[in-house]
Amino acid sequence: MSDGSYDDAFMDALRLKGDDLADATVAALFAEGQVGRFNTLMRWFTTSGQELPDGLPDTARDYLKATANPPDWVDWAMMEQARQFFIDNDVHISTALSFAAMPACYVVPHVARLLSATHTLAYPSRRMAETGQFTVYLMQPDAFEAGGRFLPAAQKVRLLHASIRRHLRETGGWPEPVAICQEDMLGGLMMFSIQVLDALHRLGVRMTPQGAEAYYYAWKVVGAILGCDPAVIPADLGAAREFSDRYMMRHMGPSPEGVHLTGQLIDMYEQVVPGTLLDPVVPALIRFLIGDTAADWLRVPRSGWDTTVKLVPALLGVIEGLEDRGPWAAQLSDRLGRLVTQLELTSLTRGRVMHYAIPDELKPDFGIPAAAGRWTPPPPIPA
């Protein structure tokens, strides 16, 4: 849908819809008093094709069987292009996720409030670890095959979102009829696709139009797996750009929760960076990637590094130029990129697997091949 149909009436209707299958599953688990037992058993269910454990509630077993396979419309050639795009750009994508996509979430006030209410504030690394691990699982060669870890993770995330919706509805903790509604689910999809591609562009990363389209396609598949209505997922990058612009214009702005979450994100990554000399690079990179208006809303501190960090695209251009010297250089760069990504993920997870279990009671302390041409973001949609 890219014909100008993303008007307020269309978007408002999406705010009234959740995820019927996952919502019904969670409601049944709570009604049967099976959530604690389900959580324990789910820790043993981590790979596709794995035999479901004995004692799993029938409601959960039915849900896991119904969601065990990807949509039948998936173009696997496009998915392989997306995987190659990720391999070629994994460090840059990790940077974009951390310093652009997450702050973009925080600049939507009601999303920031939701994250503050339903995720631990004491351990901000948890959400980044879950996001990083989820993306790595998605881009593995066996992601959708027996033994792959992506689909089970997606099944758990979908139930987690449903449990949050139920909790906020039951406790009156959300001012709207549906928390994590279809509009916000699609908005999140835009954060991890369009916003990431935009950040890569700002960083000066060379991307072909085919590579960018394939990367978005992979997240379109993810959206369907996570419970987004396939009928309303933007069909391609052009439609995704339109939806993303409409969504942000409808909702973005400052909020105390956004400021708090951003401060935690900055503190967390300053602890990851060795020493203190380079600490100002973290907020400078966020400001560079999301722009001064959003950064000011989130109270991202300014420093002398704000100018220096603008040299990053030139530095990446030199590195990519070295990659062009031959296959050996590109392979070395890819291996180093995977190593850096894995080290970052390990530091966030502390070596643990994130299980995305449904909490008994949600509380504030819960936890491509190269081609001619180059992708350039289209201009924003006029208000």
Protein backbone atom coordinates (compact mmCIF):
# COMPACT_ATOMS: atom_id res chain seq x y z
CA MET A 1 0.00 0.00 0.00
CA SER A 2 1.85 3.12 -1.19
CA ASP A 3 -0.97 5.14 -2.78
CA GLY A 4 -1.34 7.72 -0.05
CA SER A 5 -3.67 5.54 2.02
CA TYR A 6 -1.68 5.96 5.25
CA ASP A 7 -4.00 8.65 6.54
CA ASP A 8 -5.06 9.20 10.13
CA ALA A 9 -8.20 7.09 9.76
CA PHE A 10 -6.18 4.12 8.53
CA MET A 11 -3.56 4.53 11.23
CA ASP A 12 -6.17 5.03 13.96
CA ALA A 13 -7.84 1.75 12.97
CA LEU A 14 -4.51 -0.04 13.43
CA ARG A 15 -4.34 1.25 17.00
CA LEU A 16 -7.41 -0.84 17.88
CA LYS A 17 -5.92 -4.17 16.75
CA GLY A 18 -3.56 -6.55 18.54
CA ASP A 19 -2.49 -10.09 17.65
CA ASP A 20 -5.52 -12.37 17.92
CA LEU A 21 -3.66 -15.70 17.96
CA ALA A 22 -1.04 -14.75 20.53
CA ASP A 23 -3.56 -12.83 22.64
CA ALA A 24 -5.91 -15.83 22.79
CA THR A 25 -3.01 -18.14 23.70
CA VAL A 26 -1.85 -15.96 26.57
CA ALA A 27 -5.38 -15.47 27.85
CA ALA A 28 -5.86 -19.25 27.97
CA LEU A 29 -2.52 -19.81 29.73
CA PHE A 30 -3.36 -17.29 32.42
CA ALA A 31 -6.88 -18.69 32.82
CA GLU A 32 -5.42 -22.18 33.27
CA GLY A 33 -2.75 -20.97 35.70
CA GLN A 34 -0.09 -22.45 33.41
CA VAL A 35 2.18 -19.46 32.82
CA GLY A 36 4.87 -20.40 35.34
CA ARG A 37 4.98 -23.99 34.10
CA PHE A 38 5.07 -22.81 30.49
CA ASN A 39 8.01 -20.49 31.22
CA THR A 40 10.04 -23.30 32.73
CA LEU A 41 9.37 -25.62 29.81
CA MET A 42 10.03 -22.91 27.22
CA ARG A 43 13.61 -22.59 28.42
CA TRP A 44 14.20 -26.04 26.95
CA PHE A 45 12.58 -25.15 23.61
CA THR A 46 15.25 -23.21 21.74
CA THR A 47 15.63 -24.68 18.22
CA SER A 48 13.29 -25.37 15.29
CA GLY A 49 12.33 -29.00 14.86
CA GLN A 50 13.00 -29.74 18.51
CA GLU A 51 10.49 -32.10 20.04
CA LEU A 52 8.15 -30.21 22.29
CA PRO A 53 8.67 -31.08 25.95
CA ASP A 54 6.28 -33.26 27.88
CA GLY A 55 3.84 -31.44 30.09
CA LEU A 56 3.50 -28.44 27.80
CA PRO A 57 -0.02 -27.01 28.16
CA ASP A 58 -2.23 -27.91 25.20
CA THR A 59 -2.89 -24.22 24.49
CA ALA A 60 0.84 -23.53 24.20
CA ARG A 61 1.45 -26.68 22.16
CA ASP A 62 -1.24 -25.66 19.65
CA TYR A 63 0.23 -22.15 19.35
CA LEU A 64 3.79 -23.44 18.81
CA LYS A 65 2.63 -25.84 16.11
CA ALA A 66 0.57 -23.15 14.36
CA THR A 67 3.54 -20.74 14.28
CA ALA A 68 6.35 -23.26 13.65
CA ASN A 69 6.87 -22.35 9.98
CA PRO A 70 7.53 -19.12 8.08
CA PRO A 71 4.83 -17.71 5.74
CA ASP A 72 4.37 -19.74 2.55
CA TRP A 73 4.92 -16.63 0.40
CA VAL A 74 8.56 -16.08 1.43
CA ASP A 75 10.98 -15.44 -1.44
CA TRP A 76 14.04 -17.39 -0.30
CA ALA A 77 16.32 -15.79 -2.92
CA MET A 78 15.50 -12.41 -1.39
CA MET A 79 16.15 -13.77 2.09
CA GLU A 80 19.59 -14.98 1.00
CA GLN A 81 20.33 -11.54 -0.44
CA ALA A 82 19.35 -10.06 2.90
CA ARG A 83 21.67 -12.48 4.73
CA GLN A 84 24.59 -11.53 2.47
CA PHE A 85 23.77 -7.85 3.06
CA PHE A 86 23.94 -8.46 6.79
CA ILE A 87 27.26 -10.33 6.53
CA ASP A 88 28.74 -7.48 4.51
CA ASN A 89 27.50 -4.82 6.93
CA ASP A 90 27.10 -6.53 10.32
CA VAL A 91 29.18 -4.07 12.36
CA HIS A 92 27.48 -1.09 10.70
CA ILE A 93 24.05 -2.64 11.27
CA SER A 94 24.87 -3.25 14.94
CA THR A 95 25.92 0.40 15.23
CA ALA A 96 22.72 1.56 13.52
CA LEU A 97 20.54 -0.60 15.75
CA SER A 98 22.22 0.65 18.92
CA PHE A 99 22.68 4.33 18.17
CA ALA A 100 19.84 5.10 15.73
CA ALA A 101 17.02 2.53 15.88
CA MET A 102 16.76 2.39 19.67
CA PRO A 103 16.86 6.18 20.16
CA ALA A 104 14.25 6.44 17.37
CA CYS A 105 12.02 4.24 19.54
CA TYR A 106 12.62 6.52 22.51
CA VAL A 107 11.60 9.62 20.54
CA VAL A 108 8.04 8.25 20.31
CA PRO A 109 6.67 9.14 23.76
CA HIS A 110 4.10 6.37 24.16
CA VAL A 111 6.66 3.76 23.05
CA ALA A 112 9.14 5.12 25.58
CA ARG A 113 6.46 4.91 28.27
CA LEU A 114 5.69 1.33 27.27
CA LEU A 115 9.34 0.32 27.42
CA SER A 116 9.74 2.02 30.77
CA ALA A 117 6.68 0.26 32.18
CA THR A 118 7.41 -3.24 30.91
CA HIS A 119 11.19 -3.64 30.78
CA THR A 120 13.70 -3.53 33.58
CA LEU A 121 15.17 -0.08 34.08
CA ALA A 122 17.98 -1.47 36.21
CA TYR A 123 19.43 -3.59 33.40
CA PRO A 124 19.15 -1.67 30.09
CA SER A 125 21.54 -4.13 28.43
CA ARG A 126 18.77 -6.73 28.42
CA ARG A 127 16.75 -5.12 25.63
CA MET A 128 19.84 -4.47 23.51
CA ALA A 129 20.96 -8.06 24.09
CA GLU A 130 17.57 -9.40 23.06
CA THR A 131 17.51 -7.21 19.93
CA GLY A 132 21.06 -8.11 18.93
CA GLN A 133 20.59 -11.82 19.53
CA PHE A 134 17.28 -11.82 17.63
CA THR A 135 18.90 -10.17 14.58
CA VAL A 136 21.86 -12.56 14.61
CA TYR A 137 19.48 -15.54 14.79
CA LEU A 138 17.51 -14.13 11.82
CA MET A 139 20.59 -13.82 9.61
CA GLN A 140 21.99 -17.32 10.18
CA PRO A 141 21.95 -19.68 7.14
CA ASP A 142 19.75 -22.15 9.06
CA ALA A 143 17.42 -19.54 10.56
CA PHE A 144 14.28 -21.23 9.21
CA GLU A 145 15.51 -24.82 9.18
CA ALA A 146 15.51 -27.57 11.78
CA GLY A 147 18.06 -26.59 14.40
CA GLY A 148 17.70 -22.87 13.75
CA ARG A 149 17.08 -20.57 16.70
CA PHE A 150 15.17 -17.75 15.02
CA LEU A 151 11.63 -19.12 14.84
CA PRO A 152 11.48 -20.24 18.50
CA ALA A 153 12.78 -16.82 19.54
CA ALA A 154 10.12 -15.14 17.40
CA GLN A 155 7.40 -17.36 18.86
CA LYS A 156 8.43 -16.31 22.35
CA VAL A 157 8.64 -12.60 21.50
CA ARG A 158 5.12 -12.75 20.06
CA LEU A 159 3.79 -14.28 23.27
CA LEU A 160 5.75 -11.78 25.33
CA HIS A 161 4.06 -8.91 23.51
CA ALA A 162 0.67 -10.54 24.07
CA SER A 163 1.39 -10.91 27.79
CA ILE A 164 2.27 -7.21 27.99
CA ARG A 165 -0.99 -6.30 26.26
CA ARG A 166 -2.94 -8.45 28.70
CA HIS A 167 -1.19 -7.08 31.77
CA LEU A 168 -1.67 -3.44 30.83
CA ARG A 169 -5.32 -4.05 29.94
CA GLU A 170 -6.05 -5.95 33.15
CA THR A 171 -4.34 -3.39 35.39
CA GLY A 172 -5.62 -0.30 33.60
CA GLY A 173 -2.00 0.69 33.07
CA TRP A 174 -2.42 1.88 29.50
CA PRO A 175 -4.58 4.82 28.37
CA GLU A 176 -5.54 3.24 25.02
CA PRO A 177 -7.60 0.12 24.26
CA VAL A 178 -4.61 -1.89 22.93
CA ALA A 179 -0.95 -1.76 23.94
CA ILE A 180 1.59 -2.89 21.31
CA CYS A 181 -1.11 -2.42 18.69
CA GLN A 182 -0.70 -3.08 14.98
CA GLU A 183 0.38 0.51 14.29
CA ASP A 184 3.13 0.32 16.90
CA MET A 185 4.18 -3.16 15.78
CA LEU A 186 4.59 -1.81 12.25
CA GLY A 187 6.29 1.28 13.65
CA GLY A 188 8.80 -0.97 15.41
CA LEU A 189 9.37 -2.80 12.14
CA MET A 190 10.25 0.54 10.56
CA MET A 191 12.74 1.29 13.34
CA PHE A 192 14.70 -1.88 12.63
CA SER A 193 14.53 -1.61 8.84
CA ILE A 194 14.07 1.91 7.45
CA GLN A 195 15.77 3.66 10.37
CA VAL A 196 18.72 1.26 10.15
CA LEU A 197 19.08 1.79 6.41
CA ASP A 198 18.91 5.55 6.91
CA ALA A 199 21.63 5.34 9.54
CA LEU A 200 23.82 3.25 7.24
CA HIS A 201 23.38 5.91 4.58
CA ARG A 202 24.42 8.66 7.01
CA LEU A 203 27.46 6.60 7.98
CA GLY A 204 28.49 6.48 4.33
CA VAL A 205 28.06 2.73 3.99
CA ARG A 206 27.88 1.70 0.35
CA MET A 207 24.62 -0.12 -0.35
CA THR A 208 23.01 -1.15 -3.61
CA PRO A 209 19.27 -0.61 -4.12
CA GLN A 210 18.94 -4.41 -4.32
CA GLY A 211 20.70 -4.87 -0.99
CA ALA A 212 18.57 -2.29 0.77
CA GLU A 213 15.37 -3.74 -0.64
CA ALA A 214 16.39 -7.26 0.40
CA TYR A 215 17.19 -6.10 3.93
CA TYR A 216 13.74 -4.52 4.22
CA TYR A 217 12.15 -7.66 2.76
CA ALA A 218 13.67 -9.77 5.54
CA TRP A 219 12.08 -7.51 8.15
CA LYS A 220 8.78 -7.67 6.27
CA VAL A 221 8.92 -11.45 6.75
CA VAL A 222 9.82 -10.92 10.40
CA GLY A 223 6.80 -8.67 10.85
CA ALA A 224 4.44 -11.38 9.61
CA ILE A 225 6.10 -13.94 11.90
CA LEU A 226 5.77 -11.59 14.87
CA GLY A 227 2.03 -11.10 14.37
CA CYS A 228 1.77 -8.06 12.12
CA ASP A 229 -1.18 -8.36 9.75
CA PRO A 230 0.45 -9.27 6.39
CA ALA A 231 -2.26 -7.28 4.60
CA VAL A 232 -1.02 -4.00 6.08
CA ILE A 233 2.76 -4.56 6.16
CA PRO A 234 4.25 -2.10 3.63
CA ALA A 235 5.00 -4.07 0.48
CA ASP A 236 8.36 -2.52 -0.38
CA LEU A 237 10.83 0.17 0.61
CA GLY A 238 8.79 2.95 -0.98
CA ALA A 239 5.67 2.02 0.97
CA ALA A 240 7.74 1.48 4.11
CA ARG A 241 9.20 4.96 3.80
CA GLU A 242 5.70 6.42 3.52
CA PHE A 243 4.43 4.48 6.54
CA SER A 244 7.50 5.34 8.62
CA ASP A 245 7.21 9.05 7.87
CA ARG A 246 3.50 9.09 8.70
CA TYR A 247 4.07 7.17 11.92
CA MET A 248 6.84 9.45 13.14
CA MET A 249 4.97 12.64 12.21
CA ARG A 250 1.96 11.38 14.17
CA HIS A 251 3.80 10.48 17.32
CA MET A 252 7.38 11.71 17.78
CA GLY A 253 8.25 14.21 20.46
CA PRO A 254 10.00 14.64 23.82
CA SER A 255 9.16 12.71 26.97
CA PRO A 256 10.75 12.12 30.39
CA GLU A 257 10.79 8.37 29.70
CA GLY A 258 12.61 8.91 26.41
CA VAL A 259 15.22 11.01 28.16
CA HIS A 260 15.65 8.39 30.88
CA LEU A 261 15.99 5.46 28.49
CA THR A 262 18.46 7.36 26.31
CA GLY A 263 20.57 8.24 29.33
CA GLN A 264 20.68 4.58 30.29
CA LEU A 265 21.64 3.59 26.75
CA ILE A 266 24.50 6.08 26.73
CA ASP A 267 25.72 4.98 30.18
CA MET A 268 25.61 1.33 29.15
CA TYR A 269 27.73 1.81 26.04
CA GLU A 270 30.15 4.12 27.80
CA GLN A 271 30.82 1.21 30.14
CA VAL A 272 31.42 -1.08 27.15
CA VAL A 273 33.95 1.33 25.62
CA PRO A 274 37.33 0.83 27.38
CA GLY A 275 38.48 3.76 29.51
CA THR A 276 36.83 7.17 29.55
CA LEU A 277 38.60 9.11 26.79
CA LEU A 278 36.19 7.89 24.10
CA ASP A 279 33.03 8.08 26.21
CA PRO A 280 31.77 11.25 24.43
CA VAL A 281 31.82 9.32 21.13
CA VAL A 282 28.64 7.48 22.17
CA PRO A 283 26.32 10.52 22.50
CA ALA A 284 28.06 12.19 19.55
CA LEU A 285 27.28 9.20 17.34
CA ILE A 286 23.65 9.14 18.47
CA ARG A 287 23.29 12.85 17.73
CA PHE A 288 24.92 12.40 14.30
CA LEU A 289 22.59 9.53 13.36
CA ILE A 290 19.23 10.83 14.63
CA GLY A 291 19.73 14.57 14.11
CA ASP A 292 19.83 17.51 16.48
CA THR A 293 16.06 17.91 16.97
CA ALA A 294 15.48 14.35 18.16
CA ALA A 295 18.77 14.37 20.11
CA ASP A 296 17.74 17.54 21.92
CA TRP A 297 14.35 16.00 22.78
CA LEU A 298 16.24 13.05 24.29
CA ARG A 299 18.76 15.40 25.96
CA VAL A 300 21.72 13.73 24.32
CA PRO A 301 24.70 15.71 25.64
CA ARG A 302 26.82 17.77 23.27
CA SER A 303 30.62 17.64 23.17
CA GLY A 304 33.59 18.44 20.97
CA TRP A 305 33.18 15.01 19.43
CA ASP A 306 29.98 16.15 17.68
CA THR A 307 32.15 17.58 14.88
CA THR A 308 34.77 14.85 14.90
CA VAL A 309 32.22 12.04 14.53
CA LYS A 310 31.13 13.53 11.20
CA LEU A 311 34.39 12.15 9.81
CA VAL A 312 33.09 8.59 10.23
CA PRO A 313 31.70 8.34 6.67
CA ALA A 314 35.12 9.29 5.26
CA LEU A 315 36.83 6.71 7.48
CA LEU A 316 34.39 4.01 6.42
CA GLY A 317 35.02 4.97 2.82
CA VAL A 318 38.72 4.27 3.30
CA ILE A 319 37.97 0.91 4.91
CA GLU A 320 35.58 -0.09 2.15
CA GLY A 321 38.19 0.99 -0.39
CA LEU A 322 40.59 -1.49 1.17
CA GLU A 323 37.95 -4.20 0.85
CA ASP A 324 37.83 -3.53 -2.89
CA ARG A 325 41.48 -4.55 -3.23
CA GLY A 326 40.55 -8.21 -3.48
CA PRO A 327 38.54 -11.12 -2.05
CA TRP A 328 41.10 -11.62 0.73
CA ALA A 329 40.54 -8.09 2.03
CA ALA A 330 36.75 -8.43 1.92
CA GLN A 331 36.89 -11.80 3.71
CA LEU A 332 39.18 -10.39 6.40
CA SER A 333 36.85 -7.42 6.90
CA ASP A 334 33.80 -9.70 7.14
CA ARG A 335 35.51 -11.93 9.70
CA LEU A 336 36.57 -8.97 11.79
CA GLY A 337 33.04 -7.61 11.55
CA ARG A 338 31.51 -10.84 12.80
CA LEU A 339 34.05 -10.94 15.62
CA VAL A 340 33.24 -7.41 16.75
CA THR A 341 29.50 -8.09 16.57
CA GLN A 342 29.89 -11.29 18.59
CA LEU A 343 32.06 -9.57 21.21
CA GLU A 344 29.48 -6.81 21.59
CA LEU A 345 26.62 -9.29 21.89
CA THR A 346 28.57 -11.40 24.40
CA SER A 347 29.25 -8.34 26.54
CA LEU A 348 25.54 -7.51 26.60
CA THR A 349 24.25 -11.03 27.25
CA ARG A 350 27.13 -11.98 29.56
CA GLY A 351 27.23 -15.25 27.64
CA ARG A 352 23.62 -16.11 28.41
CA VAL A 353 20.82 -17.01 25.98
CA MET A 354 17.88 -14.61 26.21
CA HIS A 355 14.70 -16.69 26.63
CA TYR A 356 11.95 -14.07 26.21
CA ALA A 357 9.83 -15.88 28.81
CA ILE A 358 6.37 -14.65 29.72
CA PRO A 359 6.46 -13.20 33.24
CA ASP A 360 4.04 -14.42 35.89
CA GLU A 361 3.19 -10.80 36.59
CA LEU A 362 4.59 -7.93 34.56
CA LYS A 363 6.14 -5.34 36.85
CA PRO A 364 8.37 -2.29 36.36
CA ASP A 365 11.41 -4.51 37.07
CA PHE A 366 10.60 -7.00 34.22
CA GLY A 367 12.79 -7.88 32.14
CA ILE A 368 23.91 -9.00 -1.98
CA PRO A 369 25.74 -9.25 -4.69
CA ALA A 370 27.13 -5.90 -5.94
CA ALA A 371 25.22 -4.12 -8.70
CA ALA A 372 25.34 -0.81 -10.50
CA GLY A 373 23.86 2.12 -8.64
CA ARG A 374 23.67 2.96 -4.98
CA TRP A 375 20.77 3.18 -2.62
CA THR A 376 19.77 6.65 -1.53
CA PRO A 377 16.87 7.33 0.83
CA PRO A 378 13.87 8.96 -0.86
CA PRO A 379 12.82 12.40 0.42
CA PRO A 380 10.42 12.59 3.38
CA ILE A 381 6.71 12.50 2.66
CA PRO A 382 5.24 16.03 3.04
CA ALA A 383 2.94 16.51 6.01
